[in-house]
Structure formats: structure tokens, C-alpha cells
Protein backbone atom coordinates (compact mmCIF):
# COMPACT_ATOMS: atom_id res chain seq x y z
CA MET A 1 2.81 11.29 1.46
CA ASN A 2 -0.70 10.39 0.32
CA LYS A 3 -2.34 7.52 2.13
CA GLU A 4 -5.34 5.60 0.88
CA LEU A 5 -8.33 5.76 3.21
CA ILE A 6 -11.29 3.39 3.13
CA THR A 7 -14.55 3.66 5.06
CA ARG A 8 -16.18 0.40 6.14
CA ASP A 9 -19.03 0.17 8.67
CA GLU A 10 -18.63 3.88 9.46
CA ILE A 11 -14.96 3.39 10.46
CA VAL A 12 -12.20 5.05 8.46
CA TYR A 13 -9.17 2.85 7.81
CA GLU A 14 -5.72 3.72 6.52
CA VAL A 15 -4.36 1.19 4.03
CA VAL A 16 -0.81 0.35 5.17
CA ASP A 17 -0.11 -2.36 2.58
CA ILE A 18 -1.68 -4.10 -0.40
CA ILE A 19 -0.70 -7.67 -1.28
CA ASN A 20 -1.98 -10.37 -3.61
CA TYR A 21 -4.02 -12.94 -1.69
CA ASN A 22 -2.21 -15.78 -3.49
CA HIS A 23 0.74 -15.22 -1.13
CA PHE A 24 -1.36 -16.73 1.68
CA LYS A 25 -3.06 -19.63 -0.14
CA ASN A 26 -2.63 -23.20 1.06
CA SER A 27 -2.36 -26.06 -1.42
CA ASP A 28 -6.09 -26.74 -0.97
CA GLY A 29 -6.96 -23.14 -1.94
CA SER A 30 -7.84 -21.94 1.57
CA ILE A 31 -6.14 -18.93 3.16
CA ASN A 32 -3.47 -19.60 5.78
CA GLN A 33 -4.89 -17.47 8.60
CA GLN A 34 -1.79 -17.78 10.81
CA VAL A 35 0.61 -16.54 8.15
CA LEU A 36 -1.79 -13.74 7.16
CA GLY A 37 -2.18 -12.74 10.81
CA LYS A 38 1.60 -12.55 11.30
CA TYR A 39 1.93 -10.47 8.14
CA VAL A 40 -0.78 -8.06 9.34
CA HIS A 41 0.86 -7.79 12.76
CA ASP A 42 4.29 -7.14 11.19
CA ARG A 43 2.75 -4.27 9.19
CA ASP A 44 1.13 -2.75 12.32
CA GLY A 45 -2.31 -3.38 10.88
CA ASN A 46 -5.32 -4.87 12.61
CA ARG A 47 -7.87 -5.32 9.82
CA VAL A 48 -7.80 -7.09 6.46
CA LEU A 49 -10.14 -6.01 3.69
CA GLN A 50 -10.32 -7.55 0.24
CA ARG A 51 -10.58 -5.83 -3.12
CA ASP A 52 -10.48 -7.99 -6.23
CA ASP A 53 -7.51 -10.36 -5.81
CA LYS A 54 -5.73 -8.20 -3.21
CA PHE A 55 -5.72 -8.05 0.57
CA LEU A 56 -5.69 -4.53 1.97
CA ILE A 57 -3.86 -4.44 5.30
CA CYS A 58 -5.44 -1.62 7.29
CA LYS A 59 -5.53 0.16 10.61
CA PRO A 60 -8.22 2.50 11.92
CA VAL A 61 -7.63 6.23 11.68
CA GLU A 62 -7.61 7.84 15.11
CA GLU A 63 -10.07 10.66 15.58
CA ALA A 64 -8.43 14.03 16.05
CA THR A 65 -8.90 15.82 19.35
CA ILE A 66 -9.27 19.58 19.12
CA LEU A 67 -7.62 21.35 22.03
């Protein structure tokens, strides 16, 4: 399975989900941070990046240890 990887601030992230940001908009146009946070937690992510009109739910890629 191919996973999308993104580098931001010298950290490599795996994209675990992509969702339209409109799913988290309040009636005043702001983003509902609590609902977004629960969604990220449920997807085992810990970072949200934005690309166009999408939120990228991400988690950092662990560095490999060579034995």
C-alpha cells in the first residue's frame, strides 16, 4: 500500500486521511476545533495540514533504527 508522505519543518509526516475542511465549519465560517481534534484523534493522527480546501490528517514517520 502506497502512503503519501509530506515534509514540513524537516519532519516527515504520513497522511492518514484527507477530508474537506467544510465538514468542520461552524455557521460563522470558523473551524470547530473540538470536532476536528476528535476526528484527528480517532484517525490516530496528531497533526493537521491544509492543502487547498482539504485537511490532511497526519502523523510523524518514526525514524528507523538500524540494528
